[in-house]
PDB file of N, CA and C in Angstrom:
ATOM      1  N   MET A   1      42.310  99.744 147.790  1.00  0.00           N
ATOM      2  CA  MET A   1      41.131  99.153 148.590  1.00  0.00           C
ATOM      3  C   MET A   1      39.897  99.971 148.392  1.00  0.00           C
ATOM      4  N   ARG A   2      38.720  99.394 148.223  1.00  0.00           N
ATOM      5  CA  ARG A   2      37.638 100.179 148.209  1.00  0.00           C
ATOM      6  C   ARG A   2      36.493  99.555 149.128  1.00  0.00           C
ATOM      7  N   ILE A   3      36.015 100.366 150.056  1.00  0.00           N
ATOM      8  CA  ILE A   3      34.990 100.138 151.109  1.00  0.00           C
ATOM      9  C   ILE A   3      33.693 100.783 150.658  1.00  0.00           C
ATOM     10  N   ALA A   4      32.514  99.983 150.826  1.00  0.00           N
ATOM     11  CA  ALA A   4      31.305 100.635 150.555  1.00  0.00           C
ATOM     12  C   ALA A   4      30.508 100.578 151.833  1.00  0.00           C
ATOM     13  N   VAL A   5      29.755 101.651 152.095  1.00  0.00           N
ATOM     14  CA  VAL A   5      28.843 101.713 153.224  1.00  0.00           C
ATOM     15  C   VAL A   5      27.347 101.969 152.794  1.00  0.00           C
ATOM     16  N   THR A   6      26.416 101.133 153.302  1.00  0.00           N
ATOM     17  CA  THR A   6      25.070 101.470 153.037  1.00  0.00           C
ATOM     18  C   THR A   6      24.860 102.918 153.531  1.00  0.00           C
ATOM     19  N   TYR A   7      24.226 103.775 152.844  1.00  0.00           N
ATOM     20  CA  TYR A   7      24.156 105.150 152.978  1.00  0.00           C
ATOM     21  C   TYR A   7      22.773 105.692 152.932  1.00  0.00           C
ATOM     22  N   ASP A   8      22.480 106.413 154.102  1.00  0.00           N
ATOM     23  CA  ASP A   8      21.144 107.042 154.229  1.00  0.00           C
ATOM     24  C   ASP A   8      21.176 108.389 154.907  1.00  0.00           C
ATOM     25  N   GLN A   9      21.303 109.373 154.249  1.00  0.00           N
ATOM     26  CA  GLN A   9      21.563 110.851 154.775  1.00  0.00           C
ATOM     27  C   GLN A   9      22.587 110.917 155.708  1.00  0.00           C
ATOM     28  N   GLY A  10      23.775 110.441 155.370  1.00  0.00           N
ATOM     29  CA  GLY A  10      25.094 110.628 156.189  1.00  0.00           C
ATOM     30  C   GLY A  10      25.241 109.530 157.185  1.00  0.00           C
ATOM     31  N   MET A  11      24.174 108.688 157.322  1.00  0.00           N
ATOM     32  CA  MET A  11      24.203 107.566 158.262  1.00  0.00           C
ATOM     33  C   MET A  11      24.415 106.254 157.623  1.00  0.00           C
ATOM     34  N   VAL A  12      24.934 105.284 158.386  1.00  0.00           N
ATOM     35  CA  VAL A  12      24.986 103.795 157.883  1.00  0.00           C
ATOM     36  C   VAL A  12      23.618 103.355 157.825  1.00  0.00           C
ATOM     37  N   GLY A  13      23.151 103.010 156.517  1.00  0.00           N
ATOM     38  CA  GLY A  13      21.733 102.627 156.372  1.00  0.00           C
ATOM     39  C   GLY A  13      21.526 101.270 157.072  1.00  0.00           C
ATOM     40  N   GLN A  14      20.430 101.074 157.495  1.00  0.00           N
ATOM     41  CA  GLN A  14      20.163  99.909 158.410  1.00  0.00           C
ATOM     42  C   GLN A  14      19.379  98.785 157.849  1.00  0.00           C
ATOM     43  N   HIS A  15      19.258  98.820 156.516  1.00  0.00           N
ATOM     44  CA  HIS A  15      18.592  97.738 155.807  1.00  0.00           C
ATOM     45  C   HIS A  15      19.213  97.410 154.421  1.00  0.00           C
ATOM     46  N   PHE A  16      20.138  96.511 154.303  1.00  0.00           N
ATOM     47  CA  PHE A  16      20.973  96.283 153.207  1.00  0.00           C
ATOM     48  C   PHE A  16      20.084  96.230 151.799  1.00  0.00           C
ATOM     49  N   GLY A  17      19.039  95.321 151.888  1.00  0.00           N
ATOM     50  CA  GLY A  17      18.372  95.027 150.879  1.00  0.00           C
ATOM     51  C   GLY A  17      17.455  96.105 150.327  1.00  0.00           C
ATOM     52  N   ARG A  18      17.318  97.211 151.020  1.00  0.00           N
ATOM     53  CA  ARG A  18      16.487  98.308 150.528  1.00  0.00           C
ATOM     54  C   ARG A  18      17.298  99.648 150.246  1.00  0.00           C
ATOM     55  N   THR A  19      18.620  99.374 150.333  1.00  0.00           N
ATOM     56  CA  THR A  19      19.668 100.416 150.199  1.00  0.00           C
ATOM     57  C   THR A  19      19.552 101.037 148.770  1.00  0.00           C
ATOM     58  N   GLU A  20      19.401 102.365 148.770  1.00  0.00           N
ATOM     59  CA  GLU A  20      19.293 103.069 147.497  1.00  0.00           C
ATOM     60  C   GLU A  20      20.653 103.830 147.109  1.00  0.00           C
ATOM     61  N   HIS A  21      21.486 103.979 148.206  1.00  0.00           N
ATOM     62  CA  HIS A  21      22.785 104.589 147.911  1.00  0.00           C
ATOM     63  C   HIS A  21      23.784 103.898 148.755  1.00  0.00           C
ATOM     64  N   PHE A  22      25.083 103.895 148.205  1.00  0.00           N
ATOM     65  CA  PHE A  22      26.193 103.436 148.907  1.00  0.00           C
ATOM     66  C   PHE A  22      27.122 104.604 148.905  1.00  0.00           C
ATOM     67  N   LYS A  23      27.991 104.730 149.913  1.00  0.00           N
ATOM     68  CA  LYS A  23      29.015 105.697 149.844  1.00  0.00           C
ATOM     69  C   LYS A  23      30.308 104.813 149.708  1.00  0.00           C
ATOM     70  N   LEU A  24      31.066 105.229 148.659  1.00  0.00           N
ATOM     71  CA  LEU A  24      32.184 104.323 148.367  1.00  0.00           C
ATOM     72  C   LEU A  24      33.434 105.124 148.829  1.00  0.00           C
ATOM     73  N   TYR A  25      34.390 104.603 149.423  1.00  0.00           N
ATOM     74  CA  TYR A  25      35.737 105.073 149.997  1.00  0.00           C
ATOM     75  C   TYR A  25      36.750 104.390 149.375  1.00  0.00           C
ATOM     76  N   ASP A  26      37.664 105.092 148.742  1.00  0.00           N
ATOM     77  CA  ASP A  26      38.874 104.427 148.203  1.00  0.00           C
ATOM     78  C   ASP A  26      40.083 104.785 149.186  1.00  0.00           C
ATOM     79  N   ILE A  27      40.623 103.780 149.597  1.00  0.00           N
ATOM     80  CA  ILE A  27      41.669 103.639 150.596  1.00  0.00           C
ATOM     81  C   ILE A  27      43.026 103.358 150.143  1.00  0.00           C
ATOM     82  N   GLU A  28      43.973 104.151 150.564  1.00  0.00           N
ATOM     83  CA  GLU A  28      45.346 103.897 150.225  1.00  0.00           C
ATOM     84  C   GLU A  28      46.235 104.122 151.634  1.00  0.00           C
ATOM     85  N   HIS A  29      47.102 103.272 151.881  1.00  0.00           N
ATOM     86  CA  HIS A  29      47.961 103.346 152.934  1.00  0.00           C
ATOM     87  C   HIS A  29      47.211 103.518 154.354  1.00  0.00           C
ATOM     88  N   GLY A  30      46.089 102.954 154.404  1.00  0.00           N
ATOM     89  CA  GLY A  30      45.166 103.042 155.561  1.00  0.00           C
ATOM     90  C   GLY A  30      44.445 104.285 155.869  1.00  0.00           C
ATOM     91  N   ALA A  31      44.315 105.082 154.782  1.00  0.00           N
ATOM     92  CA  ALA A  31      43.702 106.400 154.837  1.00  0.00           C
ATOM     93  C   ALA A  31      42.742 106.509 153.668  1.00  0.00           C
ATOM     94  N   VAL A  32      41.646 107.296 153.807  1.00  0.00           N
ATOM     95  CA  VAL A  32      40.634 107.619 152.815  1.00  0.00           C
ATOM     96  C   VAL A  32      41.324 108.604 151.818  1.00  0.00           C
ATOM     97  N   ILE A  33      41.347 108.424 150.582  1.00  0.00           N
ATOM     98  CA  ILE A  33      41.923 109.265 149.597  1.00  0.00           C
ATOM     99  C   ILE A  33      40.731 109.856 148.776  1.00  0.00           C
ATOM    100  N   SER A  34      39.626 109.219 148.680  1.00  0.00           N
ATOM    101  CA  SER A  34      38.473 109.828 147.987  1.00  0.00           C
ATOM    102  C   SER A  34      37.203 109.011 148.421  1.00  0.00           C
ATOM    103  N   SER A  35      36.110 109.733 148.238  1.00  0.00           N
ATOM    104  CA  SER A  35      34.879 109.099 148.434  1.00  0.00           C
ATOM    105  C   SER A  35      33.728 109.607 147.422  1.00  0.00           C
ATOM    106  N   GLN A  36      32.652 108.836 147.250  1.00  0.00           N
ATOM    107  CA  GLN A  36      31.540 109.389 146.501  1.00  0.00           C
ATOM    108  C   GLN A  36      30.412 108.562 146.840  1.00  0.00           C
ATOM    109  N   ILE A  37      29.240 109.288 146.641  1.00  0.00           N
ATOM    110  CA  ILE A  37      27.919 108.606 146.915  1.00  0.00           C
ATOM    111  C   ILE A  37      27.361 108.232 145.619  1.00  0.00           C
ATOM    112  N   VAL A  38      26.915 106.967 145.505  1.00  0.00           N
ATOM    113  CA  VAL A  38      26.379 106.385 144.208  1.00  0.00           C
ATOM    114  C   VAL A  38      25.045 105.799 144.423  1.00  0.00           C
ATOM    115  N   ASP A  39      24.294 105.884 143.478  1.00  0.00           N
ATOM    116  CA  ASP A  39      22.979 105.383 143.560  1.00  0.00           C
ATOM    117  C   ASP A  39      23.147 103.867 143.054  1.00  0.00           C
ATOM    118  N   THR A  40      22.356 102.985 143.710  1.00  0.00           N
ATOM    119  CA  THR A  40      22.482 101.596 143.618  1.00  0.00           C
ATOM    120  C   THR A  40      21.802 100.993 142.144  1.00  0.00           C
ATOM    121  N   ASN A  41      20.924 101.869 141.611  1.00  0.00           N
ATOM    122  CA  ASN A  41      20.186 101.442 140.455  1.00  0.00           C
ATOM    123  C   ASN A  41      19.477 100.337 140.674  1.00  0.00           C
ATOM    124  N   GLY A  42      18.913  99.943 141.805  1.00  0.00           N
ATOM    125  CA  GLY A  42      17.955  98.967 142.094  1.00  0.00           C
ATOM    126  C   GLY A  42      18.164  98.382 143.476  1.00  0.00           C
ATOM    127  N   THR A  43      17.166  97.476 143.947  1.00  0.00           N
ATOM    128  CA  THR A  43      17.307  96.986 145.259  1.00  0.00           C
ATOM    129  C   THR A  43      17.295  95.498 145.155  1.00  0.00           C
ATOM    130  N   GLY A  44      17.336  94.896 146.332  1.00  0.00           N
ATOM    131  CA  GLY A  44      17.276  93.325 146.567  1.00  0.00           C
ATOM    132  C   GLY A  44      18.789  92.892 146.506  1.00  0.00           C
ATOM    133  N   HIS A  45      19.023  91.832 147.433  1.00  0.00           N
ATOM    134  CA  HIS A  45      20.394  91.424 147.786  1.00  0.00           C
ATOM    135  C   HIS A  45      21.180  91.045 146.566  1.00  0.00           C
ATOM    136  N   GLY A  46      20.558  90.346 145.727  1.00  0.00           N
ATOM    137  CA  GLY A  46      21.434  89.837 144.416  1.00  0.00           C
ATOM    138  C   GLY A  46      21.724  90.998 143.556  1.00  0.00           C
ATOM    139  N   ALA A  47      20.933  91.907 143.285  1.00  0.00           N
ATOM    140  CA  ALA A  47      21.304  93.146 142.356  1.00  0.00           C
ATOM    141  C   ALA A  47      22.245  93.942 143.243  1.00  0.00           C
ATOM    142  N   LEU A  48      22.132  94.078 144.576  1.00  0.00           N
ATOM    143  CA  LEU A  48      23.050  95.017 145.293  1.00  0.00           C
ATOM    144  C   LEU A  48      24.610  94.288 145.412  1.00  0.00           C
ATOM    145  N   ALA A  49      24.612  93.044 145.480  1.00  0.00           N
ATOM    146  CA  ALA A  49      25.911  92.309 145.529  1.00  0.00           C
ATOM    147  C   ALA A  49      26.511  92.466 144.252  1.00  0.00           C
ATOM    148  N   GLY A  50      25.740  92.274 143.239  1.00  0.00           N
ATOM    149  CA  GLY A  50      26.299  92.455 141.860  1.00  0.00           C
ATOM    150  C   GLY A  50      26.829  93.841 141.495  1.00  0.00           C
ATOM    151  N   PHE A  51      26.177  94.827 142.057  1.00  0.00           N
ATOM    152  CA  PHE A  51      26.530  96.186 141.958  1.00  0.00           C
ATOM    153  C   PHE A  51      27.900  96.464 142.702  1.00  0.00           C
ATOM    154  N   LEU A  52      28.032  95.942 143.939  1.00  0.00           N
ATOM    155  CA  LEU A  52      29.268  96.038 144.633  1.00  0.00           C
ATOM    156  C   LEU A  52      30.384  95.445 143.946  1.00  0.00           C
ATOM    157  N   ARG A  53      30.134  94.220 143.403  1.00  0.00           N
ATOM    158  CA  ARG A  53      31.194  93.548 142.804  1.00  0.00           C
ATOM    159  C   ARG A  53      31.739  94.238 141.585  1.00  0.00           C
ATOM    160  N   SER A  54      30.690  94.833 140.915  1.00  0.00           N
ATOM    161  CA  SER A  54      31.097  95.630 139.577  1.00  0.00           C
ATOM    162  C   SER A  54      31.830  96.867 139.898  1.00  0.00           C
ATOM    163  N   THR A  55      31.769  97.411 141.079  1.00  0.00           N
ATOM    164  CA  THR A  55      32.472  98.704 141.429  1.00  0.00           C
ATOM    165  C   THR A  55      33.809  98.367 142.248  1.00  0.00           C
ATOM    166  N   ASP A  56      34.161  97.215 142.321  1.00  0.00           N
ATOM    167  CA  ASP A  56      35.513  96.656 142.784  1.00  0.00           C
ATOM    168  C   ASP A  56      35.512  96.980 144.360  1.00  0.00           C
ATOM    169  N   VAL A  57      34.412  96.818 145.077  1.00  0.00           N
ATOM    170  CA  VAL A  57      34.267  96.771 146.518  1.00  0.00           C
ATOM    171  C   VAL A  57      34.886  95.620 146.992  1.00  0.00           C
ATOM    172  N   GLN A  58      35.744  95.707 148.123  1.00  0.00           N
ATOM    173  CA  GLN A  58      36.269  94.545 148.893  1.00  0.00           C
ATOM    174  C   GLN A  58      35.578  94.323 150.154  1.00  0.00           C
ATOM    175  N   THR A  59      35.077  95.509 150.776  1.00  0.00           N
ATOM    176  CA  THR A  59      34.496  95.409 152.110  1.00  0.00           C
ATOM    177  C   THR A  59      33.240  96.252 152.191  1.00  0.00           C
ATOM    178  N   LEU A  60      32.073  95.613 152.829  1.00  0.00           N
ATOM    179  CA  LEU A  60      30.879  96.318 152.969  1.00  0.00           C
ATOM    180  C   LEU A  60      30.531  96.598 154.409  1.00  0.00           C
ATOM    181  N   ILE A  61      30.404  97.816 154.872  1.00  0.00           N
ATOM    182  CA  ILE A  61      29.994  98.108 156.254  1.00  0.00           C
ATOM    183  C   ILE A  61      28.489  98.488 156.142  1.00  0.00           C
ATOM    184  N   CYS A  62      27.729  97.812 156.928  1.00  0.00           N
ATOM    185  CA  CYS A  62      26.218  97.976 156.927  1.00  0.00           C
ATOM    186  C   CYS A  62      25.482  97.741 158.195  1.00  0.00           C
ATOM    187  N   GLY A  63      24.333  98.117 158.380  1.00  0.00           N
ATOM    188  CA  GLY A  63      23.450  97.781 159.547  1.00  0.00           C
ATOM    189  C   GLY A  63      22.847  96.496 159.502  1.00  0.00           C
ATOM    190  N   GLY A  64      21.554  96.253 159.413  1.00  0.00           N
ATOM    191  CA  GLY A  64      20.874  95.069 159.264  1.00  0.00           C
ATOM    192  C   GLY A  64      20.980  94.279 157.881  1.00  0.00           C
ATOM    193  N   ILE A  65      21.109  93.093 157.972  1.00  0.00           N
ATOM    194  CA  ILE A  65      21.403  92.249 156.663  1.00  0.00           C
ATOM    195  C   ILE A  65      20.813  90.952 156.816  1.00  0.00           C
ATOM    196  N   GLY A  66      20.230  90.304 155.889  1.00  0.00           N
ATOM    197  CA  GLY A  66      19.598  89.026 155.903  1.00  0.00           C
ATOM    198  C   GLY A  66      20.594  88.051 155.400  1.00  0.00           C
ATOM    199  N   MET A  67      19.989  86.639 155.587  1.00  0.00           N
ATOM    200  CA  MET A  67      20.874  85.486 155.198  1.00  0.00           C
ATOM    201  C   MET A  67      21.235  85.446 153.723  1.00  0.00           C
ATOM    202  N   GLY A  68      20.160  85.853 152.967  1.00  0.00           N
ATOM    203  CA  GLY A  68      20.385  85.770 151.525  1.00  0.00           C
ATOM    204  C   GLY A  68      21.444  86.831 151.025  1.00  0.00           C
ATOM    205  N   ALA A  69      21.447  87.991 151.569  1.00  0.00           N
ATOM    206  CA  ALA A  69      22.326  89.021 151.283  1.00  0.00           C
ATOM    207  C   ALA A  69      23.840  88.569 151.687  1.00  0.00           C
ATOM    208  N   ARG A  70      23.946  88.047 152.927  1.00  0.00           N
ATOM    209  CA  ARG A  70      25.191  87.418 153.292  1.00  0.00           C
ATOM    210  C   ARG A  70      25.720  86.434 152.308  1.00  0.00           C
ATOM    211  N   ALA A  71      24.931  85.544 151.913  1.00  0.00           N
ATOM    212  CA  ALA A  71      25.293  84.493 150.867  1.00  0.00           C
ATOM    213  C   ALA A  71      25.747  85.184 149.492  1.00  0.00           C
ATOM    214  N   ALA A  72      24.979  86.135 149.082  1.00  0.00           N
ATOM    215  CA  ALA A  72      25.354  86.895 147.886  1.00  0.00           C
ATOM    216  C   ALA A  72      26.619  87.556 147.940  1.00  0.00           C
ATOM    217  N   LEU A  73      26.837  88.210 149.092  1.00  0.00           N
ATOM    218  CA  LEU A  73      28.122  88.937 149.319  1.00  0.00           C
ATOM    219  C   LEU A  73      29.307  87.998 149.404  1.00  0.00           C
ATOM    220  N   ASP A  74      29.020  86.840 150.144  1.00  0.00           N
ATOM    221  CA  ASP A  74      30.126  85.839 150.294  1.00  0.00           C
ATOM    222  C   ASP A  74      30.591  85.333 148.964  1.00  0.00           C
ATOM    223  N   GLU A  75      29.466  85.040 148.113  1.00  0.00           N
ATOM    224  CA  GLU A  75      29.782  84.590 146.750  1.00  0.00           C
ATOM    225  C   GLU A  75      30.412  85.539 145.782  1.00  0.00           C
ATOM    226  N   ALA A  76      30.217  86.758 146.012  1.00  0.00           N
ATOM    227  CA  ALA A  76      30.891  87.815 145.400  1.00  0.00           C
ATOM    228  C   ALA A  76      32.303  88.166 145.907  1.00  0.00           C
ATOM    229  N   GLY A  77      32.709  87.544 147.141  1.00  0.00           N
ATOM    230  CA  GLY A  77      34.030  87.638 147.652  1.00  0.00           C
ATOM    231  C   GLY A  77      34.206  89.018 148.413  1.00  0.00           C
ATOM    232  N   ILE A  78      33.078  89.596 148.895  1.00  0.00           N
ATOM    233  CA  ILE A  78      33.051  90.750 149.625  1.00  0.00           C
ATOM    234  C   ILE A  78      33.080  90.439 151.044  1.00  0.00           C
ATOM    235  N   GLU A  79      34.036  91.212 151.719  1.00  0.00           N
ATOM    236  CA  GLU A  79      33.875  91.109 153.309  1.00  0.00           C
ATOM    237  C   GLU A  79      32.840  91.912 153.887  1.00  0.00           C
ATOM    238  N   LEU A  80      32.173  91.279 154.853  1.00  0.00           N
ATOM    239  CA  LEU A  80      31.110  91.862 155.298  1.00  0.00           C
ATOM    240  C   LEU A  80      31.362  92.406 156.911  1.00  0.00           C
ATOM    241  N   VAL A  81      30.878  93.654 157.120  1.00  0.00           N
ATOM    242  CA  VAL A  81      30.981  94.155 158.388  1.00  0.00           C
ATOM    243  C   VAL A  81      29.482  94.690 158.897  1.00  0.00           C
ATOM    244  N   PRO A  82      28.752  93.832 159.492  1.00  0.00           N
ATOM    245  CA  PRO A  82      27.338  94.143 159.782  1.00  0.00           C
ATOM    246  C   PRO A  82      27.129  94.719 161.176  1.00  0.00           C
ATOM    247  N   GLY A  83      26.032  95.188 161.446  1.00  0.00           N
ATOM    248  CA  GLY A  83      25.546  95.583 162.763  1.00  0.00           C
ATOM    249  C   GLY A  83      25.994  96.964 163.122  1.00  0.00           C
ATOM    250  N   VAL A  84      26.306  97.680 162.133  1.00  0.00           N
ATOM    251  CA  VAL A  84      26.856  99.064 162.426  1.00  0.00           C
ATOM    252  C   VAL A  84      25.843 100.131 162.474  1.00  0.00           C
ATOM    253  N   GLU A  85      26.029 101.067 163.358  1.00  0.00           N
ATOM    254  CA  GLU A  85      25.193 102.283 163.417  1.00  0.00           C
ATOM    255  C   GLU A  85      26.031 103.544 163.295  1.00  0.00           C
ATOM    256  N   GLY A  86      25.394 104.658 163.094  1.00  0.00           N
ATOM    257  CA  GLY A  86      26.053 105.918 163.315  1.00  0.00           C
ATOM    258  C   GLY A  86      26.520 106.599 162.050  1.00  0.00           C
ATOM    259  N   MET A  87      27.261 107.589 161.953  1.00  0.00           N
ATOM    260  CA  MET A  87      27.705 108.163 160.730  1.00  0.00           C
ATOM    261  C   MET A  87      28.539 107.357 159.902  1.00  0.00           C
ATOM    262  N   ALA A  88      28.328 107.438 158.522  1.00  0.00           N
ATOM    263  CA  ALA A  88      29.122 106.483 157.689  1.00  0.00           C
ATOM    264  C   ALA A  88      30.517 106.978 157.601  1.00  0.00           C
ATOM    265  N   ASP A  89      30.827 108.291 157.415  1.00  0.00           N
ATOM    266  CA  ASP A  89      32.404 108.610 157.563  1.00  0.00           C
ATOM    267  C   ASP A  89      33.012 108.064 158.965  1.00  0.00           C
ATOM    268  N   ASP A  90      32.361 108.327 160.006  1.00  0.00           N
ATOM    269  CA  ASP A  90      32.887 107.776 161.292  1.00  0.00           C
ATOM    270  C   ASP A  90      33.112 106.351 161.296  1.00  0.00           C
ATOM    271  N   ALA A  91      32.238 105.528 160.652  1.00  0.00           N
ATOM    272  CA  ALA A  91      32.321 104.234 160.808  1.00  0.00           C
ATOM    273  C   ALA A  91      33.658 103.576 159.893  1.00  0.00           C
ATOM    274  N   VAL A  92      33.821 104.332 158.797  1.00  0.00           N
ATOM    275  CA  VAL A  92      34.935 103.925 158.036  1.00  0.00           C
ATOM    276  C   VAL A  92      36.224 104.462 158.737  1.00  0.00           C
ATOM    277  N   THR A  93      36.326 105.502 159.369  1.00  0.00           N
ATOM    278  CA  THR A  93      37.485 105.952 160.062  1.00  0.00           C
ATOM    279  C   THR A  93      37.749 104.884 161.183  1.00  0.00           C
ATOM    280  N   ALA A  94      36.804 104.480 161.952  1.00  0.00           N
ATOM    281  CA  ALA A  94      36.889 103.454 162.895  1.00  0.00           C
ATOM    282  C   ALA A  94      37.300 102.207 162.406  1.00  0.00           C
ATOM    283  N   TRP A  95      36.785 101.808 161.381  1.00  0.00           N
ATOM    284  CA  TRP A  95      37.174 100.466 160.748  1.00  0.00           C
ATOM    285  C   TRP A  95      38.665 100.439 160.535  1.00  0.00           C
ATOM    286  N   LEU A  96      39.121 101.623 159.798  1.00  0.00           N
ATOM    287  CA  LEU A  96      40.537 101.717 159.409  1.00  0.00           C
ATOM    288  C   LEU A  96      41.434 101.800 160.648  1.00  0.00           C
ATOM    289  N   ASN A  97      40.897 102.280 161.828  1.00  0.00           N
ATOM    290  CA  ASN A  97      41.718 102.395 162.914  1.00  0.00           C
ATOM    291  C   ASN A  97      41.522 101.085 163.974  1.00  0.00           C
ATOM    292  N   GLY A  98      40.706 100.167 163.452  1.00  0.00           N
ATOM    293  CA  GLY A  98      40.466  98.960 164.241  1.00  0.00           C
ATOM    294  C   GLY A  98      39.673  99.079 165.518  1.00  0.00           C
ATOM    295  N   THR A  99      38.924 100.132 165.530  1.00  0.00           N
ATOM    296  CA  THR A  99      38.193 100.417 166.607  1.00  0.00           C
ATOM    297  C   THR A  99      36.539 100.391 166.317  1.00  0.00           C
ATOM    298  N   LEU A 100      36.197  99.851 165.161  1.00  0.00           N
ATOM    299  CA  LEU A 100      34.631  99.947 164.859  1.00  0.00           C
ATOM    300  C   LEU A 100      33.860  98.872 165.624  1.00  0.00           C
ATOM    301  N   GLN A 101      32.913  99.301 166.215  1.00  0.00           N
ATOM    302  CA  GLN A 101      32.043  98.274 167.030  1.00  0.00           C
ATOM    303  C   GLN A 101      30.996  97.845 166.031  1.00  0.00           C
ATOM    304  N   TYR A 102      30.934  96.525 165.854  1.00  0.00           N
ATOM    305  CA  TYR A 102      29.969  95.845 164.793  1.00  0.00           C
ATOM    306  C   TYR A 102      29.543  94.520 165.453  1.00  0.00           C
ATOM    307  N   ASP A 103      28.572  94.086 164.855  1.00  0.00           N
ATOM    308  CA  ASP A 103      28.117  92.763 165.320  1.00  0.00           C
ATOM    309  C   ASP A 103      28.256  91.728 164.141  1.00  0.00           C
ATOM    310  N   PRO A 104      29.304  90.900 164.084  1.00  0.00           N
ATOM    311  CA  PRO A 104      29.480  90.020 163.117  1.00  0.00           C
ATOM    312  C   PRO A 104      28.408  88.982 162.894  1.00  0.00           C
ATOM    313  N   ASP A 105      27.611  88.788 163.692  1.00  0.00           N
ATOM    314  CA  ASP A 105      26.595  87.775 163.781  1.00  0.00           C
ATOM    315  C   ASP A 105      25.158  88.396 163.618  1.00  0.00           C
ATOM    316  N   GLU A 106      25.058  89.762 163.127  1.00  0.00           N
ATOM    317  CA  GLU A 106      23.866  90.513 162.838  1.00  0.00           C
ATOM    318  C   GLU A 106      23.156  89.694 161.793  1.00  0.00           C
ATOM    319  N   VAL A 107      21.857  89.453 161.955  1.00  0.00           N
ATOM    320  CA  VAL A 107      21.100  88.759 160.989  1.00  0.00           C
ATOM    321  C   VAL A 107      19.676  89.324 160.981  1.00  0.00           C
ATOM    322  N   CYS A 108      19.187  89.865 159.876  1.00  0.00           N
ATOM    323  CA  CYS A 108      17.815  90.378 159.874  1.00  0.00           C
ATOM    324  C   CYS A 108      16.827  89.246 159.308  1.00  0.00           C
ATOM    325  N   ARG A 109      16.007  88.686 159.924  1.00  0.00           N
ATOM    326  CA  ARG A 109      15.074  87.848 159.537  1.00  0.00           C
ATOM    327  C   ARG A 109      13.694  88.096 159.255  1.00  0.00           C
ATOM    328  N   HIS A 110      13.283  89.555 159.119  1.00  0.00           N
ATOM    329  CA  HIS A 110      12.161  90.052 159.140  1.00  0.00           C
ATOM    330  C   HIS A 110      11.305  89.608 157.813  1.00  0.00           C
ATOM    331  N   HIS A 111      11.973  89.204 156.650  1.00  0.00           N
ATOM    332  CA  HIS A 111      11.304  88.859 155.602  1.00  0.00           C
ATOM    333  C   HIS A 111      10.376  87.499 155.832  1.00  0.00           C
ATOM    334  N   ALA A 112      10.883  86.592 156.549  1.00  0.00           N
ATOM    335  CA  ALA A 112      10.297  85.368 156.881  1.00  0.00           C
ATOM    336  C   ALA A 112       9.053  85.446 157.903  1.00  0.00           C
ATOM    337  N   HIS A 113       9.054  86.632 158.648  1.00  0.00           N
ATOM    338  CA  HIS A 113       8.233  86.830 159.757  1.00  0.00           C
ATOM    339  C   HIS A 113       6.904  87.937 159.522  1.00  0.00           C
ATOM    340  N   GLY A 114       7.002  88.390 158.304  1.00  0.00           N
ATOM    341  CA  GLY A 114       5.899  89.195 158.009  1.00  0.00           C
ATOM    342  C   GLY A 114       5.864  90.558 158.605  1.00  0.00           C
ATOM    343  N   HIS A 115       6.934  91.109 159.034  1.00  0.00           N
ATOM    344  CA  HIS A 115       6.908  92.516 159.546  1.00  0.00           C
ATOM    345  C   HIS A 115       6.536  93.476 158.343  1.00  0.00           C
ATOM    346  N   GLY A 116       6.203  94.661 158.615  1.00  0.00           N
ATOM    347  CA  GLY A 116       5.698  95.711 157.750  1.00  0.00           C
ATOM    348  C   GLY A 116       6.852  96.335 157.082  1.00  0.00           C
ATOM    349  N   GLU A 117       6.512  97.200 156.053  1.00  0.00           N
ATOM    350  CA  GLU A 117       7.533  97.805 155.364  1.00  0.00           C
ATOM    351  C   GLU A 117       8.305  98.868 156.223  1.00  0.00           C
ATOM    352  N   GLY A 118       7.869  99.331 157.345  1.00  0.00           N
ATOM    353  CA  GLY A 118       8.547 100.287 158.104  1.00  0.00           C
ATOM    354  C   GLY A 118       9.568  99.597 159.058  1.00  0.00           C
ATOM    355  N   HIS A 119       9.763  98.296 158.962  1.00  0.00           N
ATOM    356  CA  HIS A 119      10.569  97.597 160.058  1.00  0.00           C
ATOM    357  C   HIS A 119      12.035  97.780 159.558  1.00  0.00           C
ATOM    358  N   ASP A 120      12.814  98.081 160.483  1.00  0.00           N
ATOM    359  CA  ASP A 120      14.187  98.132 160.219  1.00  0.00           C
ATOM    360  C   ASP A 120      14.863  97.333 161.276  1.00  0.00           C
ATOM    361  N   CYS A 121      15.981  96.846 160.806  1.00  0.00           N
ATOM    362  CA  CYS A 121      16.839  96.045 161.862  1.00  0.00           C
ATOM    363  C   CYS A 121      17.861  96.996 162.521  1.00  0.00           C
ATOM    364  N   HIS A 122      18.299  96.572 163.618  1.00  0.00           N
ATOM    365  CA  HIS A 122      19.066  97.464 164.489  1.00  0.00           C
ATOM    366  C   HIS A 122      20.382  96.637 164.954  1.00  0.00           C
ATOM    367  N   HIS A 123      21.319  97.393 165.186  1.00  0.00           N
ATOM    368  CA  HIS A 123      22.662  96.807 165.681  1.00  0.00           C
ATOM    369  C   HIS A 123      22.425  95.978 166.830  1.00  0.00           C
ATOM    370  N   GLY A 124      23.039  94.714 166.842  1.00  0.00           N
ATOM    371  CA  GLY A 124      23.039  93.859 168.059  1.00  0.00           C
ATOM    372  C   GLY A 124      21.719  93.241 168.289  1.00  0.00           C
ATOM    373  N   GLN A 125      20.754  93.274 167.338  1.00  0.00           N
ATOM    374  CA  GLN A 125      19.498  92.321 167.708  1.00  0.00           C
ATOM    375  C   GLN A 125      19.039  91.621 166.503  1.00  0.00           C
ATOM    376  N   SER A 126      18.783  90.377 166.578  1.00  0.00           N
ATOM    377  CA  SER A 126      18.076  89.673 165.445  1.00  0.00           C
ATOM    378  C   SER A 126      16.717  90.124 165.328  1.00  0.00           C
ATOM    379  N   CYS A 127      16.259  90.359 164.166  1.00  0.00           N
ATOM    380  CA  CYS A 127      14.888  90.924 163.902  1.00  0.00           C
ATOM    381  C   CYS A 127      13.848  89.854 163.583  1.00  0.00           C
ATOM    382  N   HIS A 128      13.314  89.476 164.717  1.00  0.00           N
ATOM    383  CA  HIS A 128      12.372  88.311 164.607  1.00  0.00           C
ATOM    384  C   HIS A 128      11.355  88.382 165.849  1.00  0.00           C
TER     385      HIS A 128
END
């Protein structure tokens, strides 16, 4: 199994559509056996969903994510675990242990409401 985490300097990245790096974790028997940080080679939900599909990711852990990205990931068959904050490695460990706190209803709507470039979505809040 392979899990991807939106990655920003060791933390779970808080904006899927602007993610420049993912940390990929290979899992066997419920434990991480290897990990690597990879450049996404582009941004935008369609490109990122395609990138994840091409790297055989089954699950994505992330912070804020919009409806377009949700649809693209669903179409790619990737399980989504949104609304996560904190260290990427800790999030994966918690996910594997069944203790990760996340918001399955996390939706970032800022694209439709004209927020500036510096706007980030945060765990547990709809961005509007």
